[in-house]
N, C-alpha and C. Protein backbone atom coordinates (compact mmCIF):
# COMPACT_ATOMS: atom_id res chain seq x y z
N MET A 1 91.21 80.74 115.47
CA MET A 1 92.52 80.55 114.91
C MET A 1 93.52 80.46 116.06
N LYS A 2 94.36 79.42 116.03
CA LYS A 2 95.34 79.23 117.06
C LYS A 2 96.73 79.57 116.51
N CYS A 3 97.43 80.43 117.24
CA CYS A 3 98.80 80.82 116.86
C CYS A 3 99.78 79.77 117.41
N ILE A 4 100.80 79.53 116.67
CA ILE A 4 101.79 78.55 117.09
C ILE A 4 102.33 78.83 118.49
N SER A 5 102.43 80.11 118.82
CA SER A 5 102.98 80.46 120.14
C SER A 5 102.04 80.14 121.29
N GLU A 6 100.80 79.76 120.99
CA GLU A 6 99.86 79.42 122.05
C GLU A 6 100.02 78.01 122.62
N TYR A 7 100.83 77.20 121.95
CA TYR A 7 101.09 75.85 122.46
C TYR A 7 102.03 75.95 123.64
N GLU A 8 101.94 75.03 124.57
CA GLU A 8 102.79 74.98 125.75
C GLU A 8 104.24 74.89 125.30
N PRO A 9 105.16 75.49 126.09
CA PRO A 9 106.57 75.43 125.73
C PRO A 9 107.10 74.01 125.48
N LYS A 10 106.66 73.04 126.32
CA LYS A 10 107.17 71.68 126.14
C LYS A 10 106.74 71.11 124.79
N LEU A 11 105.55 71.50 124.32
CA LEU A 11 105.09 71.05 122.99
C LEU A 11 105.92 71.71 121.90
N LEU A 12 106.29 72.97 122.06
CA LEU A 12 107.09 73.63 121.06
C LEU A 12 108.50 73.07 121.01
N ILE A 13 109.03 72.68 122.15
CA ILE A 13 110.35 72.02 122.14
C ILE A 13 110.25 70.69 121.45
N ALA A 14 109.18 69.93 121.70
CA ALA A 14 108.97 68.66 121.02
C ALA A 14 108.77 68.90 119.56
N LEU A 15 108.11 69.99 119.16
CA LEU A 15 107.94 70.31 117.74
C LEU A 15 109.32 70.49 117.06
N GLY A 16 110.23 71.11 117.77
CA GLY A 16 111.56 71.29 117.24
C GLY A 16 112.22 69.95 116.96
N GLU A 17 112.04 69.00 117.86
CA GLU A 17 112.62 67.68 117.65
C GLU A 17 111.93 66.95 116.49
N SER A 18 110.61 67.12 116.40
CA SER A 18 109.89 66.52 115.28
C SER A 18 110.32 67.12 113.98
N LEU A 19 110.54 68.43 113.93
CA LEU A 19 110.98 69.10 112.70
C LEU A 19 112.34 68.55 112.27
N LYS A 20 113.18 68.21 113.26
CA LYS A 20 114.51 67.66 112.93
C LYS A 20 114.47 66.20 112.49
N GLY A 21 113.27 65.60 112.49
CA GLY A 21 113.11 64.24 112.00
C GLY A 21 113.00 63.17 113.06
N ASN A 22 112.87 63.55 114.30
CA ASN A 22 112.73 62.56 115.37
C ASN A 22 111.30 62.04 115.43
N ARG A 23 111.09 60.88 114.84
CA ARG A 23 109.75 60.30 114.70
C ARG A 23 109.06 60.03 116.07
N LYS A 24 109.87 59.84 117.10
CA LYS A 24 109.28 59.59 118.42
C LYS A 24 108.38 60.76 118.83
N PHE A 25 108.78 61.99 118.53
CA PHE A 25 108.00 63.15 118.91
C PHE A 25 106.80 63.31 117.97
N THR A 26 107.01 63.05 116.71
CA THR A 26 105.91 63.11 115.72
C THR A 26 104.82 62.12 116.09
N ASP A 27 105.21 60.88 116.40
CA ASP A 27 104.26 59.84 116.80
C ASP A 27 103.54 60.24 118.09
N TRP A 28 104.26 60.84 119.02
CA TRP A 28 103.67 61.28 120.27
C TRP A 28 102.56 62.30 120.02
N PHE A 29 102.81 63.24 119.11
CA PHE A 29 101.80 64.23 118.78
C PHE A 29 100.52 63.56 118.28
N VAL A 30 100.66 62.60 117.41
CA VAL A 30 99.51 61.92 116.83
C VAL A 30 98.73 61.17 117.94
N ALA A 31 99.50 60.46 118.78
CA ALA A 31 98.88 59.64 119.81
C ALA A 31 98.24 60.43 120.95
N ASN A 32 98.66 61.70 121.09
CA ASN A 32 98.20 62.47 122.26
C ASN A 32 97.39 63.72 121.90
N GLY A 33 96.76 63.71 120.75
CA GLY A 33 95.80 64.75 120.43
C GLY A 33 96.36 66.00 119.78
N TYR A 34 97.53 65.93 119.21
CA TYR A 34 98.12 67.05 118.51
C TYR A 34 98.53 66.69 117.08
N PRO A 35 97.62 66.09 116.32
CA PRO A 35 97.98 65.68 114.96
C PRO A 35 98.36 66.86 114.10
N GLU A 36 97.85 68.07 114.41
CA GLU A 36 98.18 69.24 113.64
C GLU A 36 99.65 69.60 113.75
N LEU A 37 100.26 69.33 114.91
CA LEU A 37 101.68 69.60 115.06
C LEU A 37 102.52 68.58 114.29
N ALA A 38 102.07 67.35 114.28
CA ALA A 38 102.78 66.32 113.49
C ALA A 38 102.68 66.68 112.01
N ALA A 39 101.49 67.09 111.58
CA ALA A 39 101.30 67.46 110.16
C ALA A 39 102.06 68.72 109.81
N PHE A 40 102.12 69.69 110.72
CA PHE A 40 102.89 70.93 110.47
C PHE A 40 104.37 70.57 110.27
N SER A 41 104.87 69.74 111.15
CA SER A 41 106.28 69.35 111.06
C SER A 41 106.54 68.68 109.70
N ALA A 42 105.65 67.79 109.31
CA ALA A 42 105.79 67.09 108.03
C ALA A 42 105.69 68.07 106.86
N ALA A 43 104.74 68.98 106.95
CA ALA A 43 104.52 69.97 105.87
C ALA A 43 105.76 70.85 105.68
N VAL A 44 106.32 71.32 106.79
CA VAL A 44 107.57 72.12 106.68
C VAL A 44 108.65 71.31 106.00
N ASN A 45 108.66 70.02 106.22
CA ASN A 45 109.65 69.13 105.58
C ASN A 45 109.19 68.61 104.24
N SER A 46 108.32 69.36 103.57
CA SER A 46 107.90 69.15 102.19
C SER A 46 106.93 67.98 101.95
N ASP A 47 106.18 67.59 102.98
CA ASP A 47 105.19 66.53 102.83
C ASP A 47 103.90 67.19 102.36
N GLU A 48 103.57 67.04 101.06
CA GLU A 48 102.40 67.68 100.48
C GLU A 48 101.11 67.10 101.00
N GLU A 49 101.07 65.81 101.32
CA GLU A 49 99.87 65.21 101.86
C GLU A 49 99.55 65.78 103.23
N ALA A 50 100.54 65.99 104.07
CA ALA A 50 100.36 66.59 105.38
C ALA A 50 99.87 68.03 105.23
N LEU A 51 100.40 68.73 104.27
CA LEU A 51 99.98 70.12 104.02
C LEU A 51 98.49 70.15 103.58
N ARG A 52 98.13 69.26 102.66
CA ARG A 52 96.73 69.21 102.22
C ARG A 52 95.81 68.88 103.39
N TRP A 53 96.20 67.94 104.26
CA TRP A 53 95.37 67.63 105.43
C TRP A 53 95.19 68.85 106.34
N LEU A 54 96.29 69.53 106.59
CA LEU A 54 96.19 70.73 107.43
C LEU A 54 95.23 71.77 106.85
N LEU A 55 95.33 71.98 105.55
CA LEU A 55 94.52 73.03 104.90
C LEU A 55 93.08 72.66 104.74
N THR A 56 92.78 71.36 104.59
CA THR A 56 91.41 70.96 104.20
C THR A 56 90.65 70.15 105.24
N LYS A 57 91.38 69.44 106.11
CA LYS A 57 90.67 68.52 107.01
C LYS A 57 90.94 68.76 108.50
N SER A 58 91.94 69.48 108.81
CA SER A 58 92.30 69.67 110.23
C SER A 58 91.47 70.79 110.83
N LYS A 59 91.56 70.87 112.15
CA LYS A 59 90.91 71.97 112.86
C LYS A 59 91.81 73.19 112.90
N HIS A 60 93.00 73.10 112.34
CA HIS A 60 93.96 74.21 112.40
C HIS A 60 94.58 74.47 111.02
N PRO A 61 93.74 74.92 110.08
CA PRO A 61 94.28 75.19 108.74
C PRO A 61 95.30 76.31 108.75
N GLU A 62 95.28 77.16 109.79
CA GLU A 62 96.24 78.23 109.88
C GLU A 62 97.67 77.70 109.95
N LEU A 63 97.87 76.48 110.43
CA LEU A 63 99.21 75.90 110.42
C LEU A 63 99.64 75.51 109.03
N GLY A 64 98.71 75.15 108.18
CA GLY A 64 99.01 74.92 106.77
C GLY A 64 99.36 76.22 106.08
N VAL A 65 98.64 77.26 106.41
CA VAL A 65 98.95 78.60 105.87
C VAL A 65 100.33 79.03 106.36
N LEU A 66 100.62 78.76 107.59
CA LEU A 66 101.96 79.09 108.12
C LEU A 66 103.05 78.35 107.35
N SER A 67 102.86 77.08 107.09
CA SER A 67 103.82 76.32 106.31
C SER A 67 104.00 76.93 104.92
N ASN A 68 102.91 77.31 104.33
CA ASN A 68 103.00 77.96 103.01
C ASN A 68 103.72 79.32 103.08
N ALA A 69 103.45 80.06 104.16
CA ALA A 69 104.12 81.35 104.34
C ALA A 69 105.61 81.16 104.55
N ILE A 70 105.99 80.11 105.29
CA ILE A 70 107.42 79.78 105.47
C ILE A 70 108.05 79.50 104.13
N ASP A 71 107.26 78.91 103.20
CA ASP A 71 107.76 78.70 101.84
C ASP A 71 107.70 79.96 101.01
N ASN A 72 107.36 81.07 101.63
CA ASN A 72 107.34 82.38 101.00
C ASN A 72 106.28 82.55 99.95
N GLU A 73 105.14 81.85 100.14
CA GLU A 73 104.02 81.97 99.19
C GLU A 73 103.28 83.24 99.49
N PRO A 74 103.19 84.15 98.49
CA PRO A 74 102.56 85.45 98.72
C PRO A 74 101.13 85.40 99.22
N ASN A 75 100.32 84.48 98.74
CA ASN A 75 98.94 84.40 99.19
C ASN A 75 98.85 84.04 100.68
N ALA A 76 99.75 83.22 101.17
CA ALA A 76 99.78 82.87 102.56
C ALA A 76 100.18 84.06 103.42
N LEU A 77 101.18 84.76 102.98
CA LEU A 77 101.62 85.95 103.71
C LEU A 77 100.52 87.03 103.74
N GLU A 78 99.85 87.21 102.60
CA GLU A 78 98.75 88.16 102.55
C GLU A 78 97.61 87.74 103.46
N TRP A 79 97.28 86.44 103.50
CA TRP A 79 96.23 85.91 104.36
C TRP A 79 96.53 86.26 105.82
N MET A 80 97.78 86.05 106.21
CA MET A 80 98.18 86.34 107.58
C MET A 80 98.02 87.82 107.93
N GLN A 81 98.40 88.67 107.01
CA GLN A 81 98.22 90.10 107.25
C GLN A 81 96.75 90.46 107.32
N ARG A 82 95.94 89.92 106.44
CA ARG A 82 94.49 90.20 106.39
C ARG A 82 93.82 89.74 107.68
N HIS A 83 94.26 88.64 108.25
CA HIS A 83 93.65 88.10 109.46
C HIS A 83 94.40 88.50 110.76
N ASN A 84 95.24 89.50 110.65
CA ASN A 84 95.98 90.02 111.82
C ASN A 84 96.75 88.92 112.57
N ALA A 85 97.29 87.98 111.84
CA ALA A 85 98.13 86.93 112.43
C ALA A 85 99.58 87.40 112.45
N THR A 86 99.79 88.47 113.17
CA THR A 86 101.10 89.18 113.13
C THR A 86 102.25 88.31 113.58
N LEU A 87 102.09 87.57 114.68
CA LEU A 87 103.20 86.77 115.18
C LEU A 87 103.54 85.65 114.19
N MET A 88 102.53 85.04 113.61
CA MET A 88 102.80 83.98 112.65
C MET A 88 103.42 84.56 111.38
N TYR A 89 103.01 85.74 110.97
CA TYR A 89 103.59 86.41 109.83
C TYR A 89 105.08 86.68 110.10
N LEU A 90 105.37 87.23 111.26
CA LEU A 90 106.76 87.51 111.62
C LEU A 90 107.57 86.21 111.72
N PHE A 91 106.95 85.17 112.26
CA PHE A 91 107.60 83.87 112.36
C PHE A 91 108.00 83.35 110.96
N ALA A 92 107.09 83.42 110.03
CA ALA A 92 107.36 82.98 108.68
C ALA A 92 108.48 83.80 108.05
N LYS A 93 108.45 85.09 108.26
CA LYS A 93 109.48 85.99 107.70
C LYS A 93 110.83 85.71 108.36
N ALA A 94 110.83 85.44 109.66
CA ALA A 94 112.09 85.14 110.36
C ALA A 94 112.67 83.82 109.85
N CYS A 95 111.81 82.87 109.59
CA CYS A 95 112.27 81.58 109.03
C CYS A 95 112.96 81.77 107.67
N ARG A 96 112.55 82.84 106.95
CA ARG A 96 113.16 83.18 105.64
C ARG A 96 114.30 84.17 105.80
N LYS A 97 114.77 84.33 107.06
CA LYS A 97 115.92 85.13 107.40
C LYS A 97 115.69 86.64 107.22
N ASP A 98 114.47 87.10 107.44
CA ASP A 98 114.18 88.52 107.44
C ASP A 98 114.76 89.13 108.73
N ASP A 99 115.71 90.03 108.58
CA ASP A 99 116.42 90.60 109.72
C ASP A 99 115.51 91.30 110.72
N ASP A 100 114.54 92.07 110.22
CA ASP A 100 113.62 92.78 111.12
C ASP A 100 112.80 91.79 111.95
N ALA A 101 112.33 90.76 111.30
CA ALA A 101 111.52 89.76 112.03
C ALA A 101 112.37 89.03 113.07
N ILE A 102 113.56 88.70 112.71
CA ILE A 102 114.45 88.02 113.66
C ILE A 102 114.74 88.91 114.86
N ARG A 103 114.99 90.19 114.60
CA ARG A 103 115.20 91.13 115.69
C ARG A 103 114.01 91.26 116.60
N TRP A 104 112.80 91.19 116.01
CA TRP A 104 111.58 91.29 116.80
C TRP A 104 111.53 90.15 117.81
N PHE A 105 111.80 88.94 117.36
CA PHE A 105 111.75 87.77 118.28
C PHE A 105 112.86 87.90 119.32
N ALA A 106 114.05 88.37 118.94
CA ALA A 106 115.12 88.53 119.88
C ALA A 106 114.80 89.61 120.93
N SER A 107 114.24 90.73 120.46
CA SER A 107 113.96 91.83 121.38
C SER A 107 112.83 91.47 122.35
N ASN A 108 111.96 90.53 121.97
CA ASN A 108 110.87 90.08 122.83
C ASN A 108 111.25 88.83 123.61
N ASP A 109 112.50 88.45 123.52
CA ASP A 109 113.04 87.32 124.28
C ASP A 109 112.24 86.03 124.17
N LEU A 110 111.83 85.73 122.93
CA LEU A 110 111.03 84.52 122.63
C LEU A 110 111.97 83.39 122.26
N LYS A 111 112.66 82.84 123.23
CA LYS A 111 113.74 81.90 123.01
C LYS A 111 113.26 80.61 122.30
N ILE A 112 112.10 80.08 122.68
CA ILE A 112 111.64 78.84 122.07
C ILE A 112 111.27 79.09 120.60
N MET A 113 110.66 80.25 120.33
CA MET A 113 110.34 80.59 118.96
C MET A 113 111.62 80.78 118.13
N ILE A 114 112.63 81.36 118.72
CA ILE A 114 113.93 81.54 118.04
C ILE A 114 114.54 80.16 117.74
N LEU A 115 114.42 79.23 118.67
CA LEU A 115 114.93 77.89 118.46
C LEU A 115 114.24 77.24 117.25
N LEU A 116 112.89 77.36 117.21
CA LEU A 116 112.14 76.78 116.07
C LEU A 116 112.51 77.49 114.75
N ILE A 117 112.68 78.79 114.82
CA ILE A 117 113.11 79.53 113.62
C ILE A 117 114.44 79.00 113.09
N LYS A 118 115.40 78.83 113.97
CA LYS A 118 116.73 78.30 113.56
C LYS A 118 116.61 76.91 112.97
N ILE A 119 115.79 76.07 113.54
CA ILE A 119 115.61 74.71 113.02
C ILE A 119 115.00 74.76 111.62
N ILE A 120 114.00 75.61 111.46
CA ILE A 120 113.35 75.71 110.14
C ILE A 120 114.27 76.33 109.13
N GLN A 121 115.08 77.31 109.53
CA GLN A 121 116.06 77.87 108.61
C GLN A 121 117.01 76.80 108.11
N GLU A 122 117.42 75.89 108.99
CA GLU A 122 118.28 74.78 108.58
C GLU A 122 117.56 73.86 107.58
N ILE A 123 116.29 73.59 107.83
CA ILE A 123 115.50 72.74 106.93
C ILE A 123 115.42 73.41 105.56
N ILE A 124 115.14 74.70 105.54
CA ILE A 124 115.03 75.42 104.25
C ILE A 124 116.36 75.37 103.52
N GLN A 125 117.47 75.60 104.22
CA GLN A 125 118.78 75.59 103.60
C GLN A 125 119.07 74.19 103.03
N LYS A 126 118.73 73.12 103.74
CA LYS A 126 118.93 71.77 103.25
C LYS A 126 118.09 71.55 101.99
N GLN A 127 116.86 72.03 101.98
CA GLN A 127 116.01 71.88 100.81
C GLN A 127 116.61 72.59 99.62
N ILE A 128 117.17 73.77 99.85
CA ILE A 128 117.82 74.54 98.77
C ILE A 128 119.04 73.77 98.26
N ASP A 129 119.87 73.28 99.19
CA ASP A 129 121.07 72.53 98.82
C ASP A 129 120.70 71.27 98.03
N ASP A 130 119.66 70.55 98.50
CA ASP A 130 119.25 69.33 97.81
C ASP A 130 118.71 69.63 96.40
N ALA A 131 118.08 70.79 96.23
CA ALA A 131 117.51 71.14 94.95
C ALA A 131 118.59 71.35 93.87
N VAL A 132 119.77 71.72 94.27
CA VAL A 132 120.82 71.95 93.32
C VAL A 132 121.87 70.83 93.30
N ASP A 133 121.70 69.81 94.13
CA ASP A 133 122.60 68.69 94.17
C ASP A 133 122.25 67.71 93.07
N VAL A 134 123.11 67.58 92.07
CA VAL A 134 122.85 66.73 90.93
C VAL A 134 122.64 65.26 91.33
N HIS A 135 123.24 64.85 92.48
CA HIS A 135 123.07 63.49 92.95
C HIS A 135 121.71 63.22 93.55
N LYS A 136 120.96 64.27 93.84
CA LYS A 136 119.65 64.07 94.45
C LYS A 136 118.48 64.39 93.50
N PHE A 137 118.81 64.63 92.21
CA PHE A 137 117.75 64.86 91.25
C PHE A 137 116.90 63.61 91.13
N ARG A 138 115.61 63.83 91.00
CA ARG A 138 114.69 62.69 90.81
C ARG A 138 114.84 62.19 89.36
N ARG A 139 114.75 60.91 89.24
CA ARG A 139 114.80 60.31 87.90
C ARG A 139 113.43 59.77 87.61
N SER A 140 112.92 60.06 86.39
CA SER A 140 111.58 59.54 86.06
C SER A 140 111.65 58.26 85.29
């Protein structure tokens, strides 16, 4: 199992750009042997196909579990605890604005992780805002 923090800092910074929607970084991940980071970025941004790929076909299903944990899914959070994936558990909780988890990252001076947490918090807030925006309701 690979923890998100095990990727090189430059890859984590690129992940932040991919999460923000910069396709150049997402495409780079795919072309350079990091399809799991491209899929993780897409999954966090509500791409169910990318999430399915992570969970069922990738070499890093833990990133799919992390995406689900970021979405506050209890089974994903329990899985992380059961498998001692403490940093990823705290990361998911921090993305959901858990004060203790955020303080843990700050006290350990994990600046790149804090950057990713802030980006994901913004994505979550946009998803919440879009869910209640009558102009963005899907029409069948």
